[in-house]
C-alpha atoms as a PDB file:
ATOM      1  CA  MET A   1     117.473  -2.944 -58.627  1.00  0.00           C
ATOM      2  CA  SER A   2     120.389  -4.175 -60.735  1.00  0.00           C
ATOM      3  CA  VAL A   3     123.929  -3.650 -60.803  1.00  0.00           C
ATOM      4  CA  VAL A   4     126.536  -2.859 -63.449  1.00  0.00           C
ATOM      5  CA  ARG A   5     130.348  -3.342 -62.777  1.00  0.00           C
ATOM      6  CA  MET A   6     132.321  -1.584 -65.267  1.00  0.00           C
ATOM      7  CA  TYR A   7     136.111  -2.261 -65.308  1.00  0.00           C
ATOM      8  CA  LEU A   8     138.415   0.155 -67.484  1.00  0.00           C
ATOM      9  CA  MET A   9     141.539  -1.639 -68.639  1.00  0.00           C
ATOM     10  CA  THR A  10     144.827  -0.657 -70.412  1.00  0.00           C
ATOM     11  CA  ALA A  11     146.488  -3.330 -72.500  1.00  0.00           C
ATOM     12  CA  ALA A  12     150.566  -3.913 -71.979  1.00  0.00           C
ATOM     13  CA  ALA A  13     151.058  -4.895 -75.798  1.00  0.00           C
ATOM     14  CA  GLU A  14     150.857  -1.897 -78.227  1.00  0.00           C
ATOM     15  CA  ASP A  15     148.113  -4.167 -80.247  1.00  0.00           C
ATOM     16  CA  GLY A  16     146.134  -4.993 -77.190  1.00  0.00           C
ATOM     17  CA  THR A  17     145.261  -8.225 -79.208  1.00  0.00           C
ATOM     18  CA  GLU A  18     145.955 -10.243 -76.144  1.00  0.00           C
ATOM     19  CA  LEU A  19     144.176  -8.338 -73.511  1.00  0.00           C
ATOM     20  CA  GLY A  20     141.329  -8.493 -75.580  1.00  0.00           C
ATOM     21  CA  ALA A  21     141.328 -12.220 -76.110  1.00  0.00           C
ATOM     22  CA  ALA A  22     141.809 -12.830 -72.500  1.00  0.00           C
ATOM     23  CA  LEU A  23     138.967 -10.483 -71.797  1.00  0.00           C
ATOM     24  CA  ALA A  24     136.378 -12.890 -74.286  1.00  0.00           C
ATOM     25  CA  ALA A  25     137.697 -15.638 -72.136  1.00  0.00           C
ATOM     26  CA  LEU A  26     136.605 -14.484 -69.115  1.00  0.00           C
ATOM     27  CA  ALA A  27     133.523 -12.373 -70.045  1.00  0.00           C
ATOM     28  CA  ALA A  28     132.210 -15.651 -71.428  1.00  0.00           C
ATOM     29  CA  ALA A  29     133.180 -17.447 -67.869  1.00  0.00           C
ATOM     30  CA  VAL A  30     131.916 -14.339 -66.212  1.00  0.00           C
ATOM     31  CA  ALA A  31     128.231 -14.531 -68.666  1.00  0.00           C
ATOM     32  CA  ALA A  32     128.167 -18.160 -67.400  1.00  0.00           C
ATOM     33  CA  ALA A  33     128.786 -17.642 -63.754  1.00  0.00           C
ATOM     34  CA  PRO A  34     125.914 -18.365 -61.247  1.00  0.00           C
ATOM     35  CA  GLY A  35     123.053 -15.389 -61.318  1.00  0.00           C
ATOM     36  CA  SER A  36     124.754 -13.600 -64.350  1.00  0.00           C
ATOM     37  CA  LEU A  37     122.432 -11.283 -66.424  1.00  0.00           C
ATOM     38  CA  GLY A  38     125.418 -11.294 -68.771  1.00  0.00           C
ATOM     39  CA  THR A  39     128.414  -9.393 -69.709  1.00  0.00           C
ATOM     40  CA  LYS A  40     129.689  -6.652 -72.512  1.00  0.00           C
ATOM     41  CA  LEU A  41     133.302  -6.398 -74.035  1.00  0.00           C
ATOM     42  CA  LEU A  42     133.834  -3.091 -75.182  1.00  0.00           C
ATOM     43  CA  ARG A  43     137.376  -1.720 -77.332  1.00  0.00           C
ATOM     44  CA  ASP A  44     138.053   1.837 -77.036  1.00  0.00           C
ATOM     45  CA  SER A  45     138.007   3.124 -80.740  1.00  0.00           C
ATOM     46  CA  ALA A  46     140.110   6.005 -80.628  1.00  0.00           C
ATOM     47  CA  GLU A  47     142.845   3.971 -78.022  1.00  0.00           C
ATOM     48  CA  PRO A  48     142.644   0.428 -79.057  1.00  0.00           C
ATOM     49  CA  LYS A  49     144.505  -0.313 -75.721  1.00  0.00           C
ATOM     50  CA  ARG A  50     141.784   0.731 -73.533  1.00  0.00           C
ATOM     51  CA  TYR A  51     138.928  -2.237 -72.931  1.00  0.00           C
ATOM     52  CA  ARG A  52     135.724  -1.978 -70.438  1.00  0.00           C
ATOM     53  CA  LEU A  53     134.461  -4.713 -69.231  1.00  0.00           C
ATOM     54  CA  LEU A  54     130.717  -4.570 -68.215  1.00  0.00           C
ATOM     55  CA  GLU A  55     129.341  -7.192 -65.970  1.00  0.00           C
ATOM     56  CA  PHE A  56     125.486  -7.206 -64.955  1.00  0.00           C
ATOM     57  CA  TRP A  57     123.742  -8.647 -62.058  1.00  0.00           C
ATOM     58  CA  PRO A  58     120.982  -8.543 -59.899  1.00  0.00           C
ATOM     59  CA  ASP A  59     122.266  -7.175 -56.923  1.00  0.00           C
ATOM     60  CA  HIS A  60     126.212  -6.698 -55.295  1.00  0.00           C
ATOM     61  CA  ASP A  61     126.083  -9.944 -53.095  1.00  0.00           C
ATOM     62  CA  THR A  62     125.356 -12.098 -56.258  1.00  0.00           C
ATOM     63  CA  ARG A  63     128.072 -10.552 -57.881  1.00  0.00           C
ATOM     64  CA  LYS A  64     130.678 -11.269 -55.054  1.00  0.00           C
ATOM     65  CA  ALA A  65     129.704 -14.788 -54.408  1.00  0.00           C
ATOM     66  CA  ALA A  66     130.137 -15.343 -58.694  1.00  0.00           C
ATOM     67  CA  GLY A  67     133.411 -14.038 -58.514  1.00  0.00           C
ATOM     68  CA  THR A  68     135.042 -16.465 -56.251  1.00  0.00           C
ATOM     69  CA  THR A  69     134.090 -19.386 -58.714  1.00  0.00           C
ATOM     70  CA  LEU A  70     135.717 -17.851 -61.778  1.00  0.00           C
ATOM     71  CA  PRO A  71     138.774 -20.000 -63.196  1.00  0.00           C
ATOM     72  CA  LYS A  72     141.707 -18.798 -62.059  1.00  0.00           C
ATOM     73  CA  PRO A  73     143.768 -19.210 -65.331  1.00  0.00           C
ATOM     74  CA  LEU A  74     141.455 -17.093 -66.877  1.00  0.00           C
ATOM     75  CA  MET A  75     142.100 -14.199 -64.327  1.00  0.00           C
ATOM     76  CA  ASP A  76     146.026 -14.942 -64.660  1.00  0.00           C
ATOM     77  CA  ALA A  77     145.906 -14.664 -68.534  1.00  0.00           C
ATOM     78  CA  VAL A  78     143.713 -10.875 -68.295  1.00  0.00           C
ATOM     79  CA  PHE A  79     146.314  -9.712 -65.149  1.00  0.00           C
ATOM     80  CA  GLY A  80     149.435 -10.624 -67.391  1.00  0.00           C
ATOM     81  CA  ALA A  81     148.018  -8.602 -70.382  1.00  0.00           C
ATOM     82  CA  LEU A  82     147.497  -5.388 -68.470  1.00  0.00           C
ATOM     83  CA  ALA A  83     149.517  -1.975 -68.364  1.00  0.00           C
ATOM     84  CA  GLY A  84     148.459  -1.887 -64.899  1.00  0.00           C
ATOM     85  CA  LYS A  85     145.797  -2.094 -62.165  1.00  0.00           C
ATOM     86  CA  PRO A  86     142.794  -2.129 -63.761  1.00  0.00           C
ATOM     87  CA  GLU A  87     139.706   0.323 -62.940  1.00  0.00           C
ATOM     88  CA  SER A  88     136.255  -0.547 -61.673  1.00  0.00           C
ATOM     89  CA  GLU A  89     133.076   1.050 -60.352  1.00  0.00           C
ATOM     90  CA  ASP A  90     129.839  -0.344 -59.154  1.00  0.00           C
ATOM     91  CA  LEU A  91     127.145   1.479 -60.946  1.00  0.00           C
ATOM     92  CA  THR A  92     122.763   1.187 -60.295  1.00  0.00           C
ATOM     93  CA  THR A  93     120.640   0.595 -63.440  1.00  0.00           C
ATOM     94  CA  ILE A  94     118.488   3.410 -63.473  1.00  0.00           C
ATOM     95  CA  ALA A  95     116.586   2.474 -66.828  1.00  0.00           C
END
């Protein structure tokens, strides 16, 4: 059964564009990671400073292993543009 990792993040900057660019680069790297089933990056229509990144994986172990392969500069750019700690959830695909 596949899993989805969901992150909810809020940008430090008012327009959110710096975080959006950093997340787009990270989403591309995650999508290219070994075992990844893809990503979706979403921006909140009502609150443009808020983003959701969805990662699709065949299982939790594959996601955890792939996380160690992501380039540190991409992660630094994301964390540098955040207003606070991101929220995350692990979801199971049911349909």
